[in-house]
Amino acid sequence: MRYRFLINAALLLAIPLCGLGIFAVVAVSQNADKAIGVDYLTTSSIK
């Protein structure tokens, strides 16, 4: 039972960490796009 408890605790910790990692990657990529100016190019092409 102890191993099962450790696995459940690891999964509960891993899920929010994965979410934070995805959020960080998205935020960094968006900031990089704005810094390079790709965001401006894409929005102007959409218009």
N, C-alpha and C. Protein backbone atom coordinates (compact mmCIF):
# COMPACT_ATOMS: atom_id res chain seq x y z
N MET A 1 0.83 -1.21 0.00
CA MET A 1 0.00 0.00 0.00
C MET A 1 0.87 1.25 0.00
N ARG A 2 2.05 1.14 0.60
CA ARG A 2 2.90 2.33 0.67
C ARG A 2 3.34 2.76 -0.72
N TYR A 3 3.68 1.79 -1.58
CA TYR A 3 4.10 2.16 -2.94
C TYR A 3 2.96 2.82 -3.71
N ARG A 4 1.76 2.29 -3.53
CA ARG A 4 0.60 2.87 -4.23
C ARG A 4 0.38 4.31 -3.76
N PHE A 5 0.57 4.56 -2.47
CA PHE A 5 0.41 5.93 -1.96
C PHE A 5 1.46 6.85 -2.57
N LEU A 6 2.69 6.35 -2.68
CA LEU A 6 3.76 7.17 -3.27
C LEU A 6 3.46 7.46 -4.73
N ILE A 7 2.95 6.46 -5.46
CA ILE A 7 2.63 6.67 -6.88
C ILE A 7 1.51 7.69 -7.02
N ASN A 8 0.49 7.58 -6.18
CA ASN A 8 -0.62 8.55 -6.25
C ASN A 8 -0.13 9.95 -5.92
N ALA A 9 0.73 10.08 -4.92
CA ALA A 9 1.27 11.40 -4.56
C ALA A 9 2.10 11.95 -5.70
N ALA A 10 2.89 11.10 -6.35
CA ALA A 10 3.72 11.56 -7.47
C ALA A 10 2.84 12.03 -8.62
N LEU A 11 1.76 11.30 -8.89
CA LEU A 11 0.86 11.71 -9.98
C LEU A 11 0.18 13.03 -9.64
N LEU A 12 -0.26 13.19 -8.39
CA LEU A 12 -0.91 14.45 -8.00
C LEU A 12 0.05 15.61 -8.12
N LEU A 13 1.33 15.38 -7.86
CA LEU A 13 2.32 16.46 -7.99
C LEU A 13 2.68 16.67 -9.46
N ALA A 14 2.70 15.62 -10.25
CA ALA A 14 3.15 15.73 -11.64
C ALA A 14 2.12 16.47 -12.49
N ILE A 15 0.84 16.28 -12.23
CA ILE A 15 -0.19 16.91 -13.07
C ILE A 15 -0.08 18.43 -13.04
N PRO A 16 -0.07 19.09 -11.87
CA PRO A 16 0.06 20.55 -11.87
C PRO A 16 1.42 21.01 -12.39
N LEU A 17 2.47 20.23 -12.15
CA LEU A 17 3.79 20.62 -12.65
C LEU A 17 3.79 20.60 -14.17
N CYS A 18 3.15 19.60 -14.78
CA CYS A 18 3.07 19.56 -16.24
C CYS A 18 2.27 20.75 -16.75
N GLY A 19 1.20 21.08 -16.07
CA GLY A 19 0.40 22.23 -16.47
C GLY A 19 1.21 23.51 -16.39
N LEU A 20 1.98 23.66 -15.31
CA LEU A 20 2.81 24.86 -15.18
C LEU A 20 3.87 24.89 -16.27
N GLY A 21 4.44 23.73 -16.60
CA GLY A 21 5.46 23.68 -17.65
C GLY A 21 4.88 24.09 -19.00
N ILE A 22 3.70 23.60 -19.33
CA ILE A 22 3.06 23.97 -20.60
C ILE A 22 2.76 25.46 -20.60
N PHE A 23 2.25 25.99 -19.47
CA PHE A 23 1.94 27.42 -19.39
C PHE A 23 3.21 28.25 -19.57
N ALA A 24 4.32 27.80 -18.95
CA ALA A 24 5.58 28.54 -19.07
C ALA A 24 6.06 28.53 -20.52
N VAL A 25 5.97 27.39 -21.18
CA VAL A 25 6.42 27.30 -22.58
C VAL A 25 5.58 28.23 -23.46
N VAL A 26 4.28 28.24 -23.25
CA VAL A 26 3.41 29.11 -24.05
C VAL A 26 3.73 30.57 -23.79
N ALA A 27 3.93 30.94 -22.52
CA ALA A 27 4.22 32.33 -22.18
C ALA A 27 5.56 32.75 -22.80
N VAL A 28 6.57 31.89 -22.70
CA VAL A 28 7.88 32.23 -23.25
C VAL A 28 7.81 32.36 -24.76
N SER A 29 7.09 31.45 -25.41
CA SER A 29 6.99 31.51 -26.87
C SER A 29 6.27 32.78 -27.30
N GLN A 30 5.22 33.16 -26.58
CA GLN A 30 4.50 34.38 -26.94
C GLN A 30 5.40 35.60 -26.74
N ASN A 31 6.16 35.63 -25.63
CA ASN A 31 7.05 36.76 -25.39
C ASN A 31 8.13 36.81 -26.46
N ALA A 32 8.64 35.65 -26.89
CA ALA A 32 9.67 35.62 -27.92
C ALA A 32 9.10 36.15 -29.24
N ASP A 33 7.87 35.76 -29.55
CA ASP A 33 7.24 36.24 -30.79
C ASP A 33 7.11 37.75 -30.76
N LYS A 34 6.68 38.30 -29.62
CA LYS A 34 6.52 39.75 -29.54
C LYS A 34 7.87 40.45 -29.66
N ALA A 35 8.90 39.86 -29.04
CA ALA A 35 10.22 40.48 -29.09
C ALA A 35 10.76 40.48 -30.52
N ILE A 36 10.53 39.38 -31.24
CA ILE A 36 11.06 39.28 -32.61
C ILE A 36 10.20 40.09 -33.57
N GLY A 37 8.90 40.21 -33.28
CA GLY A 37 8.01 40.91 -34.18
C GLY A 37 7.19 39.96 -35.03
N VAL A 38 7.27 38.66 -34.74
CA VAL A 38 6.50 37.68 -35.51
C VAL A 38 5.02 37.87 -35.24
N ASP A 39 4.68 38.26 -34.00
CA ASP A 39 3.27 38.45 -33.66
C ASP A 39 2.68 39.55 -34.54
N TYR A 40 3.41 40.61 -34.75
CA TYR A 40 2.91 41.71 -35.60
C TYR A 40 2.73 41.23 -37.04
N LEU A 41 3.67 40.44 -37.52
CA LEU A 41 3.56 39.95 -38.90
C LEU A 41 2.34 39.04 -39.06
N THR A 42 2.12 38.16 -38.09
CA THR A 42 1.00 37.22 -38.22
C THR A 42 -0.32 37.98 -38.13
N THR A 43 -0.44 38.94 -37.23
CA THR A 43 -1.70 39.68 -37.10
C THR A 43 -1.95 40.51 -38.36
N SER A 44 -0.92 41.09 -38.93
CA SER A 44 -1.11 41.91 -40.13
C SER A 44 -1.50 41.02 -41.32
N SER A 45 -0.93 39.81 -41.38
CA SER A 45 -1.28 38.92 -42.49
C SER A 45 -2.71 38.42 -42.34
N ILE A 46 -3.17 38.21 -41.10
CA ILE A 46 -4.55 37.76 -40.90
C ILE A 46 -5.52 38.86 -41.35
N LYS A 47 -5.22 40.10 -41.05
CA LYS A 47 -6.08 41.20 -41.46
C LYS A 47 -6.05 41.33 -42.98
